[in-house]
N, C-alpha and C. Protein backbone atom coordinates (compact mmCIF):
# COMPACT_ATOMS: atom_id res chain seq x y z
N MET A 1 43.16 103.55 -24.67
CA MET A 1 44.55 103.73 -24.36
C MET A 1 44.86 105.21 -24.43
N ILE A 2 45.89 105.58 -23.74
CA ILE A 2 46.29 106.98 -23.68
C ILE A 2 47.58 107.15 -24.46
N GLY A 3 47.59 108.15 -25.32
CA GLY A 3 48.78 108.50 -26.08
C GLY A 3 49.43 107.35 -26.79
N SER A 4 50.71 107.18 -26.54
CA SER A 4 51.47 106.15 -27.24
C SER A 4 51.72 104.93 -26.37
N ASP A 5 50.86 104.68 -25.37
CA ASP A 5 51.01 103.49 -24.53
C ASP A 5 51.08 102.24 -25.39
N ALA A 6 52.02 101.37 -25.05
CA ALA A 6 52.20 100.11 -25.78
C ALA A 6 51.36 99.03 -25.11
N VAL A 7 50.15 98.80 -25.64
CA VAL A 7 49.23 97.79 -25.12
C VAL A 7 48.62 97.05 -26.30
N SER A 8 48.60 95.73 -26.19
CA SER A 8 48.02 94.91 -27.25
C SER A 8 47.05 93.90 -26.64
N LEU A 9 46.03 93.55 -27.40
CA LEU A 9 45.11 92.48 -27.02
C LEU A 9 45.70 91.18 -27.52
N THR A 10 45.87 90.20 -26.63
CA THR A 10 46.51 88.94 -27.01
C THR A 10 45.72 87.75 -26.53
N GLY A 11 46.15 86.59 -26.99
CA GLY A 11 45.58 85.33 -26.54
C GLY A 11 44.17 85.13 -27.02
N GLY A 12 43.52 84.20 -26.41
CA GLY A 12 42.13 83.95 -26.71
C GLY A 12 41.89 82.92 -27.78
N THR A 13 40.67 82.41 -27.75
CA THR A 13 40.20 81.45 -28.73
C THR A 13 38.81 81.87 -29.17
N ALA A 14 38.58 81.86 -30.46
CA ALA A 14 37.27 82.22 -31.00
C ALA A 14 36.60 80.97 -31.54
N THR A 15 35.30 80.82 -31.21
CA THR A 15 34.57 79.62 -31.59
C THR A 15 33.18 79.98 -32.11
N PHE A 16 32.80 79.39 -33.25
CA PHE A 16 31.43 79.53 -33.75
C PHE A 16 30.49 78.73 -32.86
N ALA A 17 29.22 79.13 -32.82
CA ALA A 17 28.22 78.43 -32.03
C ALA A 17 28.02 77.00 -32.53
N ASN A 18 28.14 76.78 -33.86
CA ASN A 18 28.09 75.43 -34.43
C ASN A 18 28.83 75.45 -35.76
N LYS A 19 28.98 74.28 -36.38
CA LYS A 19 29.80 74.16 -37.59
C LYS A 19 29.03 74.39 -38.89
N ASN A 20 27.73 74.62 -38.81
CA ASN A 20 26.89 74.65 -40.01
C ASN A 20 26.97 75.98 -40.77
N VAL A 21 26.79 75.90 -42.08
CA VAL A 21 26.79 77.07 -42.95
C VAL A 21 25.69 78.03 -42.53
N GLY A 22 26.00 79.32 -42.54
CA GLY A 22 25.00 80.33 -42.23
C GLY A 22 25.61 81.71 -42.16
N ASN A 23 24.76 82.72 -42.15
CA ASN A 23 25.19 84.12 -42.06
C ASN A 23 24.92 84.67 -40.67
N ALA A 24 25.73 85.63 -40.27
CA ALA A 24 25.58 86.31 -38.98
C ALA A 24 25.52 85.32 -37.82
N LYS A 25 26.40 84.33 -37.85
CA LYS A 25 26.47 83.32 -36.80
C LYS A 25 27.25 83.87 -35.61
N THR A 26 26.81 83.55 -34.42
CA THR A 26 27.49 84.02 -33.22
C THR A 26 28.86 83.38 -33.09
N VAL A 27 29.87 84.21 -32.79
CA VAL A 27 31.23 83.77 -32.52
C VAL A 27 31.59 84.29 -31.14
N THR A 28 32.08 83.42 -30.28
CA THR A 28 32.47 83.81 -28.93
C THR A 28 33.99 83.70 -28.79
N ALA A 29 34.60 84.79 -28.35
CA ALA A 29 36.04 84.82 -28.08
C ALA A 29 36.22 84.79 -26.57
N THR A 30 37.10 83.90 -26.09
CA THR A 30 37.38 83.78 -24.66
C THR A 30 38.88 83.79 -24.41
N GLY A 31 39.28 84.02 -23.18
CA GLY A 31 40.70 83.98 -22.82
C GLY A 31 41.49 85.16 -23.31
N LEU A 32 40.86 86.31 -23.51
CA LEU A 32 41.55 87.50 -23.98
C LEU A 32 42.37 88.11 -22.85
N SER A 33 43.49 88.73 -23.18
CA SER A 33 44.32 89.39 -22.18
C SER A 33 45.07 90.56 -22.81
N LEU A 34 45.68 91.34 -21.96
CA LEU A 34 46.47 92.49 -22.43
C LEU A 34 47.95 92.17 -22.29
N SER A 35 48.74 92.71 -23.19
CA SER A 35 50.20 92.57 -23.11
C SER A 35 50.81 93.89 -23.54
N GLY A 36 52.09 94.03 -23.34
CA GLY A 36 52.80 95.23 -23.72
C GLY A 36 53.33 95.97 -22.50
N ALA A 37 54.23 96.92 -22.75
CA ALA A 37 54.92 97.64 -21.68
C ALA A 37 53.95 98.36 -20.74
N ALA A 38 52.83 98.85 -21.23
CA ALA A 38 51.89 99.61 -20.41
C ALA A 38 50.65 98.81 -20.03
N ALA A 39 50.67 97.48 -20.25
CA ALA A 39 49.49 96.66 -19.98
C ALA A 39 49.06 96.73 -18.52
N GLY A 40 49.99 96.89 -17.58
CA GLY A 40 49.67 96.96 -16.16
C GLY A 40 48.84 98.18 -15.79
N ASN A 41 48.79 99.16 -16.67
CA ASN A 41 48.01 100.37 -16.41
C ASN A 41 46.55 100.23 -16.85
N TYR A 42 46.21 99.08 -17.40
CA TYR A 42 44.87 98.88 -17.94
C TYR A 42 44.29 97.56 -17.45
N GLN A 43 42.98 97.46 -17.48
CA GLN A 43 42.29 96.22 -17.11
C GLN A 43 41.15 96.00 -18.09
N LEU A 44 41.05 94.79 -18.62
CA LEU A 44 39.93 94.46 -19.50
C LEU A 44 38.65 94.37 -18.68
N ALA A 45 37.58 94.94 -19.19
CA ALA A 45 36.28 94.83 -18.52
C ALA A 45 35.80 93.38 -18.56
N SER A 46 36.21 92.64 -19.57
CA SER A 46 35.84 91.24 -19.71
C SER A 46 36.91 90.53 -20.52
N THR A 47 37.16 89.27 -20.21
CA THR A 47 38.13 88.49 -20.98
C THR A 47 37.47 87.70 -22.10
N SER A 48 36.18 87.99 -22.35
CA SER A 48 35.47 87.35 -23.46
C SER A 48 34.60 88.39 -24.15
N THR A 49 34.23 88.06 -25.37
CA THR A 49 33.35 88.93 -26.15
C THR A 49 32.65 88.10 -27.22
N THR A 50 31.61 88.64 -27.81
CA THR A 50 30.94 87.96 -28.92
C THR A 50 30.86 88.89 -30.11
N THR A 51 30.80 88.28 -31.26
CA THR A 51 30.64 88.99 -32.52
C THR A 51 29.89 88.05 -33.46
N THR A 52 29.79 88.41 -34.72
CA THR A 52 29.17 87.52 -35.70
C THR A 52 30.07 87.39 -36.92
N ALA A 53 29.91 86.28 -37.61
CA ALA A 53 30.65 86.03 -38.85
C ALA A 53 29.86 85.00 -39.66
N ASN A 54 30.27 84.81 -40.89
CA ASN A 54 29.59 83.87 -41.80
C ASN A 54 30.42 82.61 -41.97
N ILE A 55 29.74 81.49 -42.15
CA ILE A 55 30.38 80.25 -42.60
C ILE A 55 29.77 79.95 -43.97
N THR A 56 30.61 79.88 -44.99
CA THR A 56 30.13 79.62 -46.34
C THR A 56 30.33 78.14 -46.70
N ALA A 57 29.56 77.67 -47.65
CA ALA A 57 29.62 76.27 -48.08
C ALA A 57 30.96 75.95 -48.72
N LYS A 58 31.47 74.77 -48.45
CA LYS A 58 32.71 74.29 -49.05
C LYS A 58 32.37 73.61 -50.38
N ASN A 59 33.15 73.91 -51.41
CA ASN A 59 32.94 73.30 -52.72
C ASN A 59 33.43 71.86 -52.73
N LEU A 60 32.63 71.00 -53.32
CA LEU A 60 33.01 69.60 -53.54
C LEU A 60 33.10 69.38 -55.05
N THR A 61 33.90 68.42 -55.44
CA THR A 61 33.95 68.04 -56.85
C THR A 61 33.68 66.54 -56.95
N VAL A 62 33.28 66.12 -58.12
CA VAL A 62 33.04 64.70 -58.39
C VAL A 62 34.15 64.22 -59.31
N SER A 63 34.75 63.09 -58.96
CA SER A 63 35.77 62.49 -59.82
C SER A 63 35.34 61.07 -60.18
N GLY A 64 36.01 60.50 -61.17
CA GLY A 64 35.79 59.10 -61.50
C GLY A 64 34.61 58.82 -62.42
N VAL A 65 33.99 59.85 -62.99
CA VAL A 65 32.87 59.63 -63.93
C VAL A 65 33.44 59.63 -65.34
N THR A 66 33.09 58.61 -66.12
CA THR A 66 33.53 58.55 -67.51
C THR A 66 32.34 58.28 -68.41
N ALA A 67 32.47 58.69 -69.67
CA ALA A 67 31.42 58.43 -70.66
C ALA A 67 31.80 57.17 -71.42
N ASN A 68 30.83 56.30 -71.62
CA ASN A 68 31.06 55.07 -72.38
C ASN A 68 31.10 55.38 -73.88
N THR A 69 31.98 54.69 -74.59
CA THR A 69 32.05 54.80 -76.04
C THR A 69 30.80 54.16 -76.63
N ARG A 70 30.31 54.72 -77.74
CA ARG A 70 29.12 54.14 -78.37
C ARG A 70 29.19 54.31 -79.88
N ILE A 71 28.29 53.66 -80.56
CA ILE A 71 28.16 53.76 -82.02
C ILE A 71 27.27 54.96 -82.33
N TYR A 72 27.60 55.66 -83.42
CA TYR A 72 26.84 56.83 -83.85
C TYR A 72 25.36 56.49 -83.98
N ASP A 73 24.50 57.37 -83.37
CA ASP A 73 23.05 57.18 -83.50
C ASP A 73 22.32 58.49 -83.79
N GLY A 74 23.07 59.56 -84.10
CA GLY A 74 22.46 60.84 -84.45
C GLY A 74 22.07 61.70 -83.26
N THR A 75 22.36 61.26 -82.05
CA THR A 75 22.02 62.05 -80.86
C THR A 75 23.29 62.42 -80.09
N THR A 76 23.13 63.23 -79.08
CA THR A 76 24.25 63.58 -78.20
C THR A 76 24.20 62.83 -76.87
N THR A 77 23.24 61.93 -76.73
CA THR A 77 23.07 61.20 -75.47
C THR A 77 24.31 60.36 -75.14
N ALA A 78 24.77 60.47 -73.91
CA ALA A 78 25.93 59.70 -73.46
C ALA A 78 25.54 58.86 -72.26
N THR A 79 25.98 57.62 -72.25
CA THR A 79 25.80 56.76 -71.09
C THR A 79 27.05 56.91 -70.22
N LEU A 80 26.82 57.20 -68.95
CA LEU A 80 27.95 57.44 -68.06
C LEU A 80 28.24 56.23 -67.19
N ASN A 81 29.53 56.01 -66.95
CA ASN A 81 29.98 54.97 -66.04
C ASN A 81 30.31 55.66 -64.71
N VAL A 82 29.53 55.37 -63.67
CA VAL A 82 29.71 56.02 -62.38
C VAL A 82 30.21 55.05 -61.30
N GLY A 83 30.67 53.88 -61.74
CA GLY A 83 31.15 52.88 -60.79
C GLY A 83 32.30 53.34 -59.93
N SER A 84 33.11 54.26 -60.42
CA SER A 84 34.25 54.78 -59.64
C SER A 84 34.02 56.22 -59.19
N ALA A 85 32.79 56.70 -59.29
CA ALA A 85 32.50 58.09 -58.92
C ALA A 85 32.73 58.30 -57.43
N ALA A 86 33.29 59.47 -57.10
CA ALA A 86 33.57 59.80 -55.70
C ALA A 86 33.49 61.31 -55.50
N LEU A 87 33.11 61.71 -54.29
CA LEU A 87 33.15 63.11 -53.91
C LEU A 87 34.55 63.45 -53.41
N VAL A 88 35.08 64.58 -53.83
CA VAL A 88 36.42 65.01 -53.43
C VAL A 88 36.28 66.34 -52.71
N GLY A 89 36.94 66.48 -51.58
CA GLY A 89 36.96 67.75 -50.85
C GLY A 89 36.09 67.77 -49.62
N GLY A 90 35.53 66.64 -49.24
CA GLY A 90 34.68 66.59 -48.06
C GLY A 90 35.49 66.77 -46.78
N VAL A 91 34.79 67.10 -45.71
CA VAL A 91 35.42 67.30 -44.41
C VAL A 91 35.32 66.00 -43.62
N SER A 92 36.43 65.58 -43.04
CA SER A 92 36.46 64.35 -42.25
C SER A 92 35.38 64.38 -41.17
N GLY A 93 34.62 63.31 -41.07
CA GLY A 93 33.56 63.22 -40.08
C GLY A 93 32.18 63.57 -40.61
N ASP A 94 32.10 64.27 -41.73
CA ASP A 94 30.80 64.59 -42.33
C ASP A 94 30.32 63.38 -43.13
N ASP A 95 29.03 63.11 -43.07
CA ASP A 95 28.44 61.98 -43.77
C ASP A 95 27.95 62.47 -45.13
N LEU A 96 28.68 62.15 -46.19
CA LEU A 96 28.35 62.60 -47.54
C LEU A 96 28.01 61.41 -48.41
N THR A 97 26.97 61.57 -49.24
CA THR A 97 26.56 60.52 -50.16
C THR A 97 26.42 61.11 -51.56
N LEU A 98 26.98 60.46 -52.54
CA LEU A 98 26.86 60.87 -53.93
C LEU A 98 25.75 60.03 -54.56
N ASN A 99 24.65 60.66 -54.93
CA ASN A 99 23.52 59.97 -55.55
C ASN A 99 23.74 59.95 -57.06
N THR A 100 24.05 58.79 -57.60
CA THR A 100 24.30 58.65 -59.04
C THR A 100 23.11 58.05 -59.77
N GLY A 101 21.99 57.88 -59.08
CA GLY A 101 20.82 57.23 -59.66
C GLY A 101 20.20 57.96 -60.83
N SER A 102 20.30 59.27 -60.88
CA SER A 102 19.66 60.02 -61.96
C SER A 102 20.69 60.79 -62.79
N VAL A 103 21.93 60.32 -62.79
CA VAL A 103 22.98 60.99 -63.54
C VAL A 103 22.69 60.92 -65.04
N ALA A 104 22.97 62.00 -65.75
CA ALA A 104 22.76 62.06 -67.20
C ALA A 104 23.95 62.76 -67.84
N GLY A 105 24.24 62.40 -69.06
CA GLY A 105 25.35 63.01 -69.77
C GLY A 105 25.04 63.22 -71.23
N SER A 106 25.80 64.11 -71.85
CA SER A 106 25.64 64.33 -73.30
C SER A 106 26.98 64.71 -73.90
N PHE A 107 27.16 64.31 -75.14
CA PHE A 107 28.34 64.69 -75.90
C PHE A 107 28.18 66.13 -76.37
N ALA A 108 29.28 66.81 -76.65
CA ALA A 108 29.24 68.21 -77.09
C ALA A 108 28.48 68.37 -78.41
N ASP A 109 28.57 67.37 -79.26
CA ASP A 109 27.80 67.38 -80.51
C ASP A 109 27.52 65.93 -80.90
N ARG A 110 26.75 65.72 -81.96
CA ARG A 110 26.33 64.37 -82.36
C ARG A 110 27.27 63.72 -83.36
N ASN A 111 28.34 64.40 -83.75
CA ASN A 111 29.21 63.94 -84.83
C ASN A 111 30.25 62.94 -84.36
N VAL A 112 30.64 62.04 -85.29
CA VAL A 112 31.69 61.07 -85.04
C VAL A 112 33.04 61.78 -85.03
N ALA A 113 33.86 61.44 -84.08
CA ALA A 113 35.22 62.04 -84.04
C ALA A 113 36.05 61.40 -85.12
N ARG A 114 36.67 62.22 -85.93
CA ARG A 114 37.52 61.73 -87.01
C ARG A 114 38.97 61.75 -86.57
N PRO A 115 39.74 60.73 -86.93
CA PRO A 115 41.16 60.74 -86.58
C PRO A 115 41.88 61.91 -87.26
N ARG A 116 42.80 62.51 -86.57
CA ARG A 116 43.59 63.62 -87.14
C ARG A 116 44.66 63.06 -88.03
N ARG A 117 44.96 63.77 -89.07
CA ARG A 117 45.99 63.33 -90.02
C ARG A 117 47.20 64.20 -89.91
């Protein structure tokens, strides 16, 4: 642009090559145009361009896991109830499975909780 010409890049849609997590993924912008009082004095060489960007993993949380009450046995081992376990924060359409087959838990210490007075 020359001097104080009022020209802006507007419009367009940017799209990643795919939805998967990764670094330096190709992003294509299309439908770009010029606007502003001096836009008629300029012409875009292309109405599309490419660049790169990252897609980072989305955090999921697990809800609905509880520890079963037990009698003191001198250990910190806890048996977990995973019957209501669920993944929270997934993206609609993604196939997510929570594998609870090898879940393990432990109490913070081996001591019996005493009622507060």
